[in-house]
């Protein structure tokens, strides 16, 4: 196996620094004792992390975003699994059109989607409701879930399922004991990607959310319109730490290489 040369190592190092530098700066600003955004800072303080607890709107928005992302990503995966298996296994009229329909939210700007959802939900009486917000998030994140489950479904050897059927397994048993374990890396990684995109969605959500269903990204967007202080940096630092912890747990439980690449842990 050939080794990376100095130029390749320097390029990868520069790329990693370019990706991590904004996150590091945000985290550094979050620990400033000043009442304004400052870097470098004159000291180390948890003042703005304590301030989060004094601002209950952020806490309510966080739990709302968490529940919304979990619900929408779970529904998206539940729809993606049968769709991916049908697209990967069968040839039928409209197959390509169906695939394009599921992936079409990727091609439409989220501003356009937000206006369209607002108009539609107003007509059907779901404007400002959590149900309407969840449905809009399902539509937005389903392409991310479908693409990963579809990639895992294409890699299934049909002979394994045929062997289970020949041994007397029912279709439900084949799916539960054979098919689902084979596509599980795609299902888990698809759910993760859908969850992250739902939790982070702000452009479309601004149009659909109401004061009773404000998500954390929308709450942060509204806050920075009227305030310029390190509170947003501290909230962002908490989200970065939570994401890193979540990835660490998933790596210990499943292995990130298995989830995103499909290989087993060495």
C-alpha atoms as a PDB file:
ATOM      1  CA  UNK A   1       0.000   0.000   0.000  1.00  0.00           C
ATOM      2  CA  UNK A   2       1.427   3.386  -1.006  1.00  0.00           C
ATOM      3  CA  UNK A   3       1.911   6.050   1.628  1.00  0.00           C
ATOM      4  CA  UNK A   4       0.629   9.602   1.320  1.00  0.00           C
ATOM      5  CA  UNK A   5       3.328  12.047   0.311  1.00  0.00           C
ATOM      6  CA  UNK A   6       4.149  15.303   2.120  1.00  0.00           C
ATOM      7  CA  UNK A   7       1.961  17.309  -0.271  1.00  0.00           C
ATOM      8  CA  UNK A   8      -1.070  15.072   0.348  1.00  0.00           C
ATOM      9  CA  UNK A   9      -0.556  15.192   4.120  1.00  0.00           C
ATOM     10  CA  UNK A  10      -0.246  18.994   4.017  1.00  0.00           C
ATOM     11  CA  UNK A  11      -3.433  19.241   1.945  1.00  0.00           C
ATOM     12  CA  UNK A  12      -5.406  17.028   4.332  1.00  0.00           C
ATOM     13  CA  UNK A  13      -4.073  18.940   7.330  1.00  0.00           C
ATOM     14  CA  UNK A  14      -5.086  22.257   5.765  1.00  0.00           C
ATOM     15  CA  UNK A  15      -8.516  20.839   4.977  1.00  0.00           C
ATOM     16  CA  UNK A  16      -9.038  19.614   8.559  1.00  0.00           C
ATOM     17  CA  UNK A  17      -7.943  22.992   9.950  1.00  0.00           C
ATOM     18  CA  UNK A  18     -10.259  24.793   7.528  1.00  0.00           C
ATOM     19  CA  UNK A  19     -13.205  22.654   8.687  1.00  0.00           C
ATOM     20  CA  UNK A  20     -12.501  22.788  12.422  1.00  0.00           C
ATOM     21  CA  UNK A  21     -11.317  26.389  12.811  1.00  0.00           C
ATOM     22  CA  UNK A  22     -14.831  27.964  12.827  1.00  0.00           C
ATOM     23  CA  UNK A  23     -16.006  25.451  15.441  1.00  0.00           C
ATOM     24  CA  UNK A  24     -12.948  26.095  17.605  1.00  0.00           C
ATOM     25  CA  UNK A  25     -13.466  29.861  17.408  1.00  0.00           C
ATOM     26  CA  UNK A  26     -17.128  29.561  18.396  1.00  0.00           C
ATOM     27  CA  UNK A  27     -16.211  27.392  21.385  1.00  0.00           C
ATOM     28  CA  UNK A  28     -13.464  29.810  22.436  1.00  0.00           C
ATOM     29  CA  UNK A  29     -15.807  32.814  22.281  1.00  0.00           C
ATOM     30  CA  UNK A  30     -18.372  30.942  24.413  1.00  0.00           C
ATOM     31  CA  UNK A  31     -16.007  31.019  27.420  1.00  0.00           C
ATOM     32  CA  UNK A  32     -15.415  34.777  27.382  1.00  0.00           C
ATOM     33  CA  UNK A  33     -16.321  36.718  30.553  1.00  0.00           C
ATOM     34  CA  UNK A  34     -17.098  39.822  28.515  1.00  0.00           C
ATOM     35  CA  UNK A  35     -20.586  40.975  27.619  1.00  0.00           C
ATOM     36  CA  UNK A  36     -19.750  41.119  23.951  1.00  0.00           C
ATOM     37  CA  UNK A  37     -18.154  38.896  21.325  1.00  0.00           C
ATOM     38  CA  UNK A  38     -14.410  39.027  21.870  1.00  0.00           C
ATOM     39  CA  UNK A  39     -11.422  36.960  20.834  1.00  0.00           C
ATOM     40  CA  UNK A  40      -8.844  36.672  22.235  1.00  0.00           C
ATOM     41  CA  UNK A  41     -10.501  36.880  25.622  1.00  0.00           C
ATOM     42  CA  UNK A  42      -9.046  38.207  28.855  1.00  0.00           C
ATOM     43  CA  UNK A  43     -10.140  35.257  30.954  1.00  0.00           C
ATOM     44  CA  UNK A  44     -12.130  32.073  31.264  1.00  0.00           C
ATOM     45  CA  UNK A  45     -15.743  32.104  32.435  1.00  0.00           C
ATOM     46  CA  UNK A  46     -18.850  29.921  32.393  1.00  0.00           C
ATOM     47  CA  UNK A  47     -21.019  33.014  32.595  1.00  0.00           C
ATOM     48  CA  UNK A  48     -22.758  32.501  29.264  1.00  0.00           C
ATOM     49  CA  UNK A  49     -23.362  28.800  29.853  1.00  0.00           C
ATOM     50  CA  UNK A  50     -25.158  29.651  33.090  1.00  0.00           C
ATOM     51  CA  UNK A  51     -27.111  32.262  31.143  1.00  0.00           C
ATOM     52  CA  UNK A  52     -28.625  29.526  29.003  1.00  0.00           C
ATOM     53  CA  UNK A  53     -30.452  28.206  32.068  1.00  0.00           C
ATOM     54  CA  UNK A  54     -31.826  31.703  32.667  1.00  0.00           C
ATOM     55  CA  UNK A  55     -33.264  31.799  29.159  1.00  0.00           C
ATOM     56  CA  UNK A  56     -35.989  29.117  29.157  1.00  0.00           C
ATOM     57  CA  UNK A  57     -36.958  29.826  25.551  1.00  0.00           C
ATOM     58  CA  UNK A  58     -33.754  28.121  24.403  1.00  0.00           C
ATOM     59  CA  UNK A  59     -34.420  25.063  26.560  1.00  0.00           C
ATOM     60  CA  UNK A  60     -37.993  24.695  25.312  1.00  0.00           C
ATOM     61  CA  UNK A  61     -36.850  25.136  21.724  1.00  0.00           C
ATOM     62  CA  UNK A  62     -34.134  22.498  22.214  1.00  0.00           C
ATOM     63  CA  UNK A  63     -36.572  19.854  23.433  1.00  0.00           C
ATOM     64  CA  UNK A  64     -38.989  20.784  20.656  1.00  0.00           C
ATOM     65  CA  UNK A  65     -36.222  20.390  18.046  1.00  0.00           C
ATOM     66  CA  UNK A  66     -35.114  17.098  19.570  1.00  0.00           C
ATOM     67  CA  UNK A  67     -38.597  15.613  19.510  1.00  0.00           C
ATOM     68  CA  UNK A  68     -39.300  16.977  16.012  1.00  0.00           C
ATOM     69  CA  UNK A  69     -36.032  15.628  14.577  1.00  0.00           C
ATOM     70  CA  UNK A  70     -36.516  12.194  16.166  1.00  0.00           C
ATOM     71  CA  UNK A  71     -40.096  11.925  14.929  1.00  0.00           C
ATOM     72  CA  UNK A  72     -39.484  13.175  11.385  1.00  0.00           C
ATOM     73  CA  UNK A  73     -36.347  11.049  10.886  1.00  0.00           C
ATOM     74  CA  UNK A  74     -38.118   7.936  12.169  1.00  0.00           C
ATOM     75  CA  UNK A  75     -41.055   8.474   9.808  1.00  0.00           C
ATOM     76  CA  UNK A  76     -38.637   9.180   6.951  1.00  0.00           C
ATOM     77  CA  UNK A  77     -36.780   5.912   7.603  1.00  0.00           C
ATOM     78  CA  UNK A  78     -40.051   3.975   7.885  1.00  0.00           C
ATOM     79  CA  UNK A  79     -41.000   5.248   4.427  1.00  0.00           C
ATOM     80  CA  UNK A  80     -37.511   4.874   2.968  1.00  0.00           C
ATOM     81  CA  UNK A  81     -36.998   1.184   3.788  1.00  0.00           C
ATOM     82  CA  UNK A  82     -39.881  -0.247   1.680  1.00  0.00           C
ATOM     83  CA  UNK A  83     -39.281   2.356  -1.033  1.00  0.00           C
ATOM     84  CA  UNK A  84     -35.573   1.518  -1.243  1.00  0.00           C
ATOM     85  CA  UNK A  85     -36.191  -2.233  -1.314  1.00  0.00           C
ATOM     86  CA  UNK A  86     -38.768  -1.854  -4.083  1.00  0.00           C
ATOM     87  CA  UNK A  87     -36.537   0.421  -6.174  1.00  0.00           C
ATOM     88  CA  UNK A  88     -33.440  -1.739  -5.694  1.00  0.00           C
ATOM     89  CA  UNK A  89     -35.102  -5.095  -6.390  1.00  0.00           C
ATOM     90  CA  UNK A  90     -37.826  -4.584  -8.964  1.00  0.00           C
ATOM     91  CA  UNK A  91     -38.165  -3.112 -12.434  1.00  0.00           C
ATOM     92  CA  UNK A  92     -41.590  -1.560 -12.938  1.00  0.00           C
ATOM     93  CA  UNK A  93     -43.087   1.306 -14.965  1.00  0.00           C
ATOM     94  CA  UNK A  94     -42.406   4.660 -13.304  1.00  0.00           C
ATOM     95  CA  UNK A  95     -39.509   3.362 -11.218  1.00  0.00           C
ATOM     96  CA  UNK A  96     -37.206   6.220 -12.203  1.00  0.00           C
ATOM     97  CA  UNK A  97     -40.007   8.753 -11.773  1.00  0.00           C
ATOM     98  CA  UNK A  98     -40.712   7.427  -8.272  1.00  0.00           C
ATOM     99  CA  UNK A  99     -37.029   7.722  -7.357  1.00  0.00           C
ATOM    100  CA  UNK A 100     -36.915  11.271  -8.690  1.00  0.00           C
ATOM    101  CA  UNK A 101     -40.063  12.128  -6.707  1.00  0.00           C
ATOM    102  CA  UNK A 102     -38.532  10.944  -3.428  1.00  0.00           C
ATOM    103  CA  UNK A 103     -35.295  12.845  -4.114  1.00  0.00           C
ATOM    104  CA  UNK A 104     -36.939  15.995  -5.507  1.00  0.00           C
ATOM    105  CA  UNK A 105     -36.826  17.984  -2.215  1.00  0.00           C
ATOM    106  CA  UNK A 106     -33.048  18.148  -2.700  1.00  0.00           C
ATOM    107  CA  UNK A 107     -33.535  20.162  -5.888  1.00  0.00           C
ATOM    108  CA  UNK A 108     -36.036  22.720  -4.553  1.00  0.00           C
ATOM    109  CA  UNK A 109     -34.708  25.701  -2.532  1.00  0.00           C
ATOM    110  CA  UNK A 110     -35.902  25.561   1.055  1.00  0.00           C
ATOM    111  CA  UNK A 111     -37.265  29.097   0.805  1.00  0.00           C
ATOM    112  CA  UNK A 112     -39.583  27.909  -1.972  1.00  0.00           C
ATOM    113  CA  UNK A 113     -40.539  24.849   0.064  1.00  0.00           C
ATOM    114  CA  UNK A 114     -41.282  27.011   3.094  1.00  0.00           C
ATOM    115  CA  UNK A 115     -43.608  29.295   1.148  1.00  0.00           C
ATOM    116  CA  UNK A 116     -45.321  26.316  -0.490  1.00  0.00           C
ATOM    117  CA  UNK A 117     -45.814  24.537   2.851  1.00  0.00           C
ATOM    118  CA  UNK A 118     -47.156  27.723   4.439  1.00  0.00           C
ATOM    119  CA  UNK A 119     -49.704  28.144   1.673  1.00  0.00           C
ATOM    120  CA  UNK A 120     -50.728  24.475   1.694  1.00  0.00           C
ATOM    121  CA  UNK A 121     -51.027  24.129   5.471  1.00  0.00           C
ATOM    122  CA  UNK A 122     -53.066  27.319   5.627  1.00  0.00           C
ATOM    123  CA  UNK A 123     -55.516  25.827   3.136  1.00  0.00           C
ATOM    124  CA  UNK A 124     -55.879  22.512   5.008  1.00  0.00           C
ATOM    125  CA  UNK A 125     -55.984  23.997   8.516  1.00  0.00           C
ATOM    126  CA  UNK A 126     -52.552  22.845   9.707  1.00  0.00           C
ATOM    127  CA  UNK A 127     -50.825  26.230   9.686  1.00  0.00           C
ATOM    128  CA  UNK A 128     -48.727  26.731  12.820  1.00  0.00           C
ATOM    129  CA  UNK A 129     -49.358  23.185  14.087  1.00  0.00           C
ATOM    130  CA  UNK A 130     -46.757  20.652  15.147  1.00  0.00           C
ATOM    131  CA  UNK A 131     -48.302  18.131  12.742  1.00  0.00           C
ATOM    132  CA  UNK A 132     -47.710  20.427   9.796  1.00  0.00           C
ATOM    133  CA  UNK A 133     -44.167  21.149  10.952  1.00  0.00           C
ATOM    134  CA  UNK A 134     -43.405  17.433  11.305  1.00  0.00           C
ATOM    135  CA  UNK A 135     -44.841  16.615   7.862  1.00  0.00           C
ATOM    136  CA  UNK A 136     -42.761  19.334   6.232  1.00  0.00           C
ATOM    137  CA  UNK A 137     -39.607  18.048   7.929  1.00  0.00           C
ATOM    138  CA  UNK A 138     -40.351  14.484   6.803  1.00  0.00           C
ATOM    139  CA  UNK A 139     -40.533  15.658   3.190  1.00  0.00           C
ATOM    140  CA  UNK A 140     -37.294  17.631   3.518  1.00  0.00           C
ATOM    141  CA  UNK A 141     -35.238  14.847   5.138  1.00  0.00           C
ATOM    142  CA  UNK A 142     -36.576  11.784   3.333  1.00  0.00           C
ATOM    143  CA  UNK A 143     -34.078  12.107   0.425  1.00  0.00           C
ATOM    144  CA  UNK A 144     -31.160  11.825   2.879  1.00  0.00           C
ATOM    145  CA  UNK A 145     -32.621   8.714   4.490  1.00  0.00           C
ATOM    146  CA  UNK A 146     -33.575   7.121   1.171  1.00  0.00           C
ATOM    147  CA  UNK A 147     -30.179   7.534  -0.462  1.00  0.00           C
ATOM    148  CA  UNK A 148     -28.316   5.675   2.294  1.00  0.00           C
ATOM    149  CA  UNK A 149     -30.909   2.913   2.656  1.00  0.00           C
ATOM    150  CA  UNK A 150     -30.969   2.569  -1.132  1.00  0.00           C
ATOM    151  CA  UNK A 151     -27.187   2.203  -1.235  1.00  0.00           C
ATOM    152  CA  UNK A 152     -27.372  -0.544   1.404  1.00  0.00           C
ATOM    153  CA  UNK A 153     -30.244  -2.280  -0.426  1.00  0.00           C
ATOM    154  CA  UNK A 154     -28.307  -2.514  -3.685  1.00  0.00           C
ATOM    155  CA  UNK A 155     -25.617  -4.484  -1.850  1.00  0.00           C
ATOM    156  CA  UNK A 156     -27.908  -7.300  -0.686  1.00  0.00           C
ATOM    157  CA  UNK A 157     -27.320 -10.730  -2.207  1.00  0.00           C
ATOM    158  CA  UNK A 158     -30.795 -12.011  -3.067  1.00  0.00           C
ATOM    159  CA  UNK A 159     -29.596 -15.609  -2.708  1.00  0.00           C
ATOM    160  CA  UNK A 160     -29.392 -15.156   1.077  1.00  0.00           C
ATOM    161  CA  UNK A 161     -33.086 -14.298   1.243  1.00  0.00           C
ATOM    162  CA  UNK A 162     -33.962 -17.105  -1.162  1.00  0.00           C
ATOM    163  CA  UNK A 163     -32.134 -19.542   1.094  1.00  0.00           C
ATOM    164  CA  UNK A 164     -34.181 -18.356   4.097  1.00  0.00           C
ATOM    165  CA  UNK A 165     -37.412 -18.793   2.122  1.00  0.00           C
ATOM    166  CA  UNK A 166     -36.383 -22.289   1.018  1.00  0.00           C
ATOM    167  CA  UNK A 167     -35.910 -23.212   4.683  1.00  0.00           C
ATOM    168  CA  UNK A 168     -39.512 -22.253   5.430  1.00  0.00           C
ATOM    169  CA  UNK A 169     -39.150 -18.693   6.718  1.00  0.00           C
ATOM    170  CA  UNK A 170     -42.155 -16.421   6.218  1.00  0.00           C
ATOM    171  CA  UNK A 171     -41.741 -13.046   4.428  1.00  0.00           C
ATOM    172  CA  UNK A 172     -41.952 -11.241   7.758  1.00  0.00           C
ATOM    173  CA  UNK A 173     -39.286 -13.490   9.265  1.00  0.00           C
ATOM    174  CA  UNK A 174     -37.028 -13.029   6.233  1.00  0.00           C
ATOM    175  CA  UNK A 175     -37.278  -9.266   6.549  1.00  0.00           C
ATOM    176  CA  UNK A 176     -36.740  -9.264  10.328  1.00  0.00           C
ATOM    177  CA  UNK A 177     -33.971 -11.865  10.511  1.00  0.00           C
ATOM    178  CA  UNK A 178     -32.181 -11.443   7.155  1.00  0.00           C
ATOM    179  CA  UNK A 179     -32.997  -8.274   5.210  1.00  0.00           C
ATOM    180  CA  UNK A 180     -33.079  -5.770   8.056  1.00  0.00           C
ATOM    181  CA  UNK A 181     -29.728  -6.839   9.588  1.00  0.00           C
ATOM    182  CA  UNK A 182     -28.117  -6.590   6.134  1.00  0.00           C
ATOM    183  CA  UNK A 183     -29.342  -3.022   5.535  1.00  0.00           C
ATOM    184  CA  UNK A 184     -29.024  -1.935   9.175  1.00  0.00           C
ATOM    185  CA  UNK A 185     -25.896   0.231   8.596  1.00  0.00           C
ATOM    186  CA  UNK A 186     -27.781   2.143   5.899  1.00  0.00           C
ATOM    187  CA  UNK A 187     -30.866   2.459   8.092  1.00  0.00           C
ATOM    188  CA  UNK A 188     -28.930   3.769  11.100  1.00  0.00           C
ATOM    189  CA  UNK A 189     -26.754   6.158   9.091  1.00  0.00           C
ATOM    190  CA  UNK A 190     -29.816   7.326   7.116  1.00  0.00           C
ATOM    191  CA  UNK A 191     -31.678   7.989  10.349  1.00  0.00           C
ATOM    192  CA  UNK A 192     -28.703   9.914  11.708  1.00  0.00           C
ATOM    193  CA  UNK A 193     -28.380  12.064   8.590  1.00  0.00           C
ATOM    194  CA  UNK A 194     -32.111  12.744   8.534  1.00  0.00           C
ATOM    195  CA  UNK A 195     -32.059  13.619  12.250  1.00  0.00           C
ATOM    196  CA  UNK A 196     -29.171  16.066  11.813  1.00  0.00           C
ATOM    197  CA  UNK A 197     -30.782  17.790   8.845  1.00  0.00           C
ATOM    198  CA  UNK A 198     -34.139  18.045  10.602  1.00  0.00           C
ATOM    199  CA  UNK A 199     -32.598  19.376  13.809  1.00  0.00           C
ATOM    200  CA  UNK A 200     -30.542  21.937  11.874  1.00  0.00           C
ATOM    201  CA  UNK A 201     -33.248  23.051   9.426  1.00  0.00           C
ATOM    202  CA  UNK A 202     -34.031  26.765   9.719  1.00  0.00           C
ATOM    203  CA  UNK A 203     -34.804  28.260   6.277  1.00  0.00           C
ATOM    204  CA  UNK A 204     -37.983  26.290   5.649  1.00  0.00           C
ATOM    205  CA  UNK A 205     -38.968  26.107   9.322  1.00  0.00           C
ATOM    206  CA  UNK A 206     -39.101  29.904   9.633  1.00  0.00           C
ATOM    207  CA  UNK A 207     -42.159  29.885   7.360  1.00  0.00           C
ATOM    208  CA  UNK A 208     -43.922  26.884   8.921  1.00  0.00           C
ATOM    209  CA  UNK A 209     -43.242  27.254  12.660  1.00  0.00           C
ATOM    210  CA  UNK A 210     -45.464  29.229  15.013  1.00  0.00           C
ATOM    211  CA  UNK A 211     -44.655  30.753  18.419  1.00  0.00           C
ATOM    212  CA  UNK A 212     -45.802  27.473  19.978  1.00  0.00           C
ATOM    213  CA  UNK A 213     -43.593  25.296  17.751  1.00  0.00           C
ATOM    214  CA  UNK A 214     -40.352  27.289  17.507  1.00  0.00           C
ATOM    215  CA  UNK A 215     -37.294  25.077  17.026  1.00  0.00           C
ATOM    216  CA  UNK A 216     -33.843  25.813  18.398  1.00  0.00           C
ATOM    217  CA  UNK A 217     -32.302  27.023  15.094  1.00  0.00           C
ATOM    218  CA  UNK A 218     -35.248  29.378  14.582  1.00  0.00           C
ATOM    219  CA  UNK A 219     -34.982  30.606  18.186  1.00  0.00           C
ATOM    220  CA  UNK A 220     -31.269  31.283  17.678  1.00  0.00           C
ATOM    221  CA  UNK A 221     -32.007  33.098  14.413  1.00  0.00           C
ATOM    222  CA  UNK A 222     -34.605  35.294  16.104  1.00  0.00           C
ATOM    223  CA  UNK A 223     -32.278  35.988  19.026  1.00  0.00           C
ATOM    224  CA  UNK A 224     -29.366  37.248  16.937  1.00  0.00           C
ATOM    225  CA  UNK A 225     -31.672  39.661  15.138  1.00  0.00           C
ATOM    226  CA  UNK A 226     -31.960  41.747  18.322  1.00  0.00           C
ATOM    227  CA  UNK A 227     -28.918  40.749  20.419  1.00  0.00           C
ATOM    228  CA  UNK A 228     -25.166  40.576  19.907  1.00  0.00           C
ATOM    229  CA  UNK A 229     -23.627  38.716  22.825  1.00  0.00           C
ATOM    230  CA  UNK A 230     -21.810  35.404  23.483  1.00  0.00           C
ATOM    231  CA  UNK A 231     -25.012  33.587  24.500  1.00  0.00           C
ATOM    232  CA  UNK A 232     -25.455  32.222  20.976  1.00  0.00           C
ATOM    233  CA  UNK A 233     -21.818  31.064  21.028  1.00  0.00           C
ATOM    234  CA  UNK A 234     -22.422  29.164  24.273  1.00  0.00           C
ATOM    235  CA  UNK A 235     -25.545  27.497  22.844  1.00  0.00           C
ATOM    236  CA  UNK A 236     -23.572  26.556  19.736  1.00  0.00           C
ATOM    237  CA  UNK A 237     -20.725  25.166  21.859  1.00  0.00           C
ATOM    238  CA  UNK A 238     -23.202  22.964  23.728  1.00  0.00           C
ATOM    239  CA  UNK A 239     -24.590  21.647  20.437  1.00  0.00           C
ATOM    240  CA  UNK A 240     -21.068  20.935  19.165  1.00  0.00           C
ATOM    241  CA  UNK A 241     -20.239  19.035  22.351  1.00  0.00           C
ATOM    242  CA  UNK A 242     -23.524  17.111  22.168  1.00  0.00           C
ATOM    243  CA  UNK A 243     -22.860  16.151  18.545  1.00  0.00           C
ATOM    244  CA  UNK A 244     -19.320  15.006  19.353  1.00  0.00           C
ATOM    245  CA  UNK A 245     -20.636  12.911  22.269  1.00  0.00           C
ATOM    246  CA  UNK A 246     -23.306  11.364  20.048  1.00  0.00           C
ATOM    247  CA  UNK A 247     -20.714  10.413  17.425  1.00  0.00           C
ATOM    248  CA  UNK A 248     -18.454   8.934  20.099  1.00  0.00           C
ATOM    249  CA  UNK A 249     -21.271   6.767  21.456  1.00  0.00           C
ATOM    250  CA  UNK A 250     -22.238   5.603  17.956  1.00  0.00           C
ATOM    251  CA  UNK A 251     -18.616   4.785  17.192  1.00  0.00           C
ATOM    252  CA  UNK A 252     -18.375   2.681  20.350  1.00  0.00           C
ATOM    253  CA  UNK A 253     -21.686   0.910  19.736  1.00  0.00           C
ATOM    254  CA  UNK A 254     -21.762   0.449  15.946  1.00  0.00           C
ATOM    255  CA  UNK A 255     -18.518   1.833  14.542  1.00  0.00           C
ATOM    256  CA  UNK A 256     -18.683   4.916  12.322  1.00  0.00           C
ATOM    257  CA  UNK A 257     -16.789   3.105   9.580  1.00  0.00           C
ATOM    258  CA  UNK A 258     -19.506   0.453   9.466  1.00  0.00           C
ATOM    259  CA  UNK A 259     -22.298   3.040   9.469  1.00  0.00           C
ATOM    260  CA  UNK A 260     -20.954   5.339   6.786  1.00  0.00           C
ATOM    261  CA  UNK A 261     -18.729   3.041   4.739  1.00  0.00           C
ATOM    262  CA  UNK A 262     -20.294  -0.345   5.335  1.00  0.00           C
ATOM    263  CA  UNK A 263     -17.161  -2.111   6.545  1.00  0.00           C
ATOM    264  CA  UNK A 264     -16.942  -3.918   9.839  1.00  0.00           C
ATOM    265  CA  UNK A 265     -14.685  -2.727  12.571  1.00  0.00           C
ATOM    266  CA  UNK A 266     -11.206  -4.141  12.439  1.00  0.00           C
END
